[in-house]
Amino acid sequence: MNYEKESEILKALGHPIRLKMVEGLMNNECNVNRIVDVLNIPQSTASQHLGILKSRGIVVAKKEGVRTCYRVVDKKVRNIVRVLNQ
């Protein structure tokens, strides 16, 4: 196990907003505007948290015209969130 990498993933999931983002992005990929609306947070806050999730390899971004859509790609993270929901 790569303890450094795994602890960085857990730190990223340790913030309530990022955990909510990951949970939502597991079911539907969406853009920043949708995340801002659903979580009722400023766009800059959403972008900052998405940047952290992206840098840890938890989510990836895909350009669709002028919009950028995000989705969860880390299978371990999906499993962690599923366990937390039990």
C-alpha atoms as a PDB file:
ATOM      1  CA  MET A   1       0.000   0.000   0.000  1.00  0.00           C
ATOM      2  CA  ASN A   2       1.191   3.488  -0.808  1.00  0.00           C
ATOM      3  CA  TYR A   3       0.443   5.153   2.538  1.00  0.00           C
ATOM      4  CA  GLU A   4       1.214   8.659   1.317  1.00  0.00           C
ATOM      5  CA  LYS A   5      -1.165   8.427  -1.641  1.00  0.00           C
ATOM      6  CA  GLU A   6      -3.936   6.755   0.354  1.00  0.00           C
ATOM      7  CA  SER A   7      -3.714   9.337   3.142  1.00  0.00           C
ATOM      8  CA  GLU A   8      -3.972  12.154   0.579  1.00  0.00           C
ATOM      9  CA  ILE A   9      -7.160  10.583  -0.773  1.00  0.00           C
ATOM     10  CA  LEU A  10      -8.599  10.297   2.737  1.00  0.00           C
ATOM     11  CA  LYS A  11      -7.676  13.920   3.468  1.00  0.00           C
ATOM     12  CA  ALA A  12      -9.437  15.021   0.302  1.00  0.00           C
ATOM     13  CA  LEU A  13     -12.558  13.099   1.332  1.00  0.00           C
ATOM     14  CA  GLY A  14     -12.313  14.472   4.865  1.00  0.00           C
ATOM     15  CA  HIS A  15     -13.994  17.769   3.959  1.00  0.00           C
ATOM     16  CA  PRO A  16     -17.823  17.692   3.990  1.00  0.00           C
ATOM     17  CA  ILE A  17     -18.195  19.667   0.766  1.00  0.00           C
ATOM     18  CA  ARG A  18     -15.776  17.437  -1.133  1.00  0.00           C
ATOM     19  CA  LEU A  19     -17.458  14.326   0.236  1.00  0.00           C
ATOM     20  CA  LYS A  20     -20.839  15.644  -0.977  1.00  0.00           C
ATOM     21  CA  MET A  21     -19.320  16.455  -4.366  1.00  0.00           C
ATOM     22  CA  VAL A  22     -17.869  12.978  -4.740  1.00  0.00           C
ATOM     23  CA  GLU A  23     -21.132  11.341  -3.726  1.00  0.00           C
ATOM     24  CA  GLY A  24     -23.055  13.402  -6.266  1.00  0.00           C
ATOM     25  CA  LEU A  25     -20.510  12.890  -9.031  1.00  0.00           C
ATOM     26  CA  MET A  26     -20.612   9.118  -8.547  1.00  0.00           C
ATOM     27  CA  ASN A  27     -24.144   9.063  -9.948  1.00  0.00           C
ATOM     28  CA  ASN A  28     -24.012  11.882 -12.476  1.00  0.00           C
ATOM     29  CA  GLU A  29     -21.220  13.779 -14.124  1.00  0.00           C
ATOM     30  CA  CYS A  30     -21.901  17.478 -14.064  1.00  0.00           C
ATOM     31  CA  ASN A  31     -20.374  20.907 -14.383  1.00  0.00           C
ATOM     32  CA  VAL A  32     -19.408  23.504 -11.803  1.00  0.00           C
ATOM     33  CA  ASN A  33     -22.632  25.500 -12.218  1.00  0.00           C
ATOM     34  CA  ARG A  34     -24.755  22.485 -11.297  1.00  0.00           C
ATOM     35  CA  ILE A  35     -22.533  21.746  -8.274  1.00  0.00           C
ATOM     36  CA  VAL A  36     -22.818  25.388  -7.160  1.00  0.00           C
ATOM     37  CA  ASP A  37     -26.622  25.216  -7.427  1.00  0.00           C
ATOM     38  CA  VAL A  38     -26.999  21.878  -5.649  1.00  0.00           C
ATOM     39  CA  LEU A  39     -24.560  22.604  -2.794  1.00  0.00           C
ATOM     40  CA  ASN A  40     -25.411  26.316  -2.543  1.00  0.00           C
ATOM     41  CA  ILE A  41     -21.759  27.382  -2.468  1.00  0.00           C
ATOM     42  CA  PRO A  42     -19.843  30.089  -4.371  1.00  0.00           C
ATOM     43  CA  GLN A  43     -18.370  29.120  -7.729  1.00  0.00           C
ATOM     44  CA  SER A  44     -14.843  29.837  -6.507  1.00  0.00           C
ATOM     45  CA  THR A  45     -15.329  27.454  -3.574  1.00  0.00           C
ATOM     46  CA  ALA A  46     -16.616  24.704  -5.854  1.00  0.00           C
ATOM     47  CA  SER A  47     -13.693  25.170  -8.235  1.00  0.00           C
ATOM     48  CA  GLN A  48     -11.183  25.067  -5.389  1.00  0.00           C
ATOM     49  CA  HIS A  49     -12.603  21.810  -4.025  1.00  0.00           C
ATOM     50  CA  LEU A  50     -12.819  20.266  -7.504  1.00  0.00           C
ATOM     51  CA  GLY A  51      -9.169  21.185  -8.027  1.00  0.00           C
ATOM     52  CA  ILE A  52      -8.201  19.265  -4.919  1.00  0.00           C
ATOM     53  CA  LEU A  53     -10.235  16.228  -5.975  1.00  0.00           C
ATOM     54  CA  LYS A  54      -8.733  16.386  -9.461  1.00  0.00           C
ATOM     55  CA  SER A  55      -5.158  16.690  -8.159  1.00  0.00           C
ATOM     56  CA  ARG A  56      -5.666  13.536  -6.068  1.00  0.00           C
ATOM     57  CA  GLY A  57      -6.944  11.604  -9.097  1.00  0.00           C
ATOM     58  CA  ILE A  58     -10.411  11.222  -7.621  1.00  0.00           C
ATOM     59  CA  VAL A  59     -12.235  13.057 -10.408  1.00  0.00           C
ATOM     60  CA  VAL A  60     -11.449  13.895 -14.007  1.00  0.00           C
ATOM     61  CA  ALA A  61     -12.664  16.790 -16.086  1.00  0.00           C
ATOM     62  CA  LYS A  62     -14.007  16.558 -19.616  1.00  0.00           C
ATOM     63  CA  LYS A  63     -14.545  19.602 -21.817  1.00  0.00           C
ATOM     64  CA  GLU A  64     -17.929  19.827 -23.545  1.00  0.00           C
ATOM     65  CA  GLY A  65     -17.853  23.032 -25.549  1.00  0.00           C
ATOM     66  CA  VAL A  66     -17.489  25.847 -23.036  1.00  0.00           C
ATOM     67  CA  ARG A  67     -18.537  23.617 -20.129  1.00  0.00           C
ATOM     68  CA  THR A  68     -16.300  21.318 -18.132  1.00  0.00           C
ATOM     69  CA  CYS A  69     -17.968  18.212 -16.715  1.00  0.00           C
ATOM     70  CA  TYR A  70     -16.532  16.238 -13.803  1.00  0.00           C
ATOM     71  CA  ARG A  71     -16.911  12.590 -12.846  1.00  0.00           C
ATOM     72  CA  VAL A  72     -15.454  10.216 -10.249  1.00  0.00           C
ATOM     73  CA  VAL A  73     -12.913   7.767 -11.676  1.00  0.00           C
ATOM     74  CA  ASP A  74     -11.213   6.323  -8.579  1.00  0.00           C
ATOM     75  CA  LYS A  75     -12.765   2.930  -7.771  1.00  0.00           C
ATOM     76  CA  LYS A  76     -11.404   2.907  -4.209  1.00  0.00           C
ATOM     77  CA  VAL A  77     -13.111   6.229  -3.557  1.00  0.00           C
ATOM     78  CA  ARG A  78     -16.381   4.857  -4.922  1.00  0.00           C
ATOM     79  CA  ASN A  79     -16.084   1.929  -2.500  1.00  0.00           C
ATOM     80  CA  ILE A  80     -15.253   4.217   0.433  1.00  0.00           C
ATOM     81  CA  VAL A  81     -18.328   6.372  -0.216  1.00  0.00           C
ATOM     82  CA  ARG A  82     -20.536   3.277  -0.583  1.00  0.00           C
ATOM     83  CA  VAL A  83     -19.294   1.987   2.785  1.00  0.00           C
ATOM     84  CA  LEU A  84     -19.966   5.376   4.396  1.00  0.00           C
ATOM     85  CA  ASN A  85     -23.536   5.297   3.063  1.00  0.00           C
ATOM     86  CA  GLN A  86     -24.310   1.970   4.766  1.00  0.00           C
END
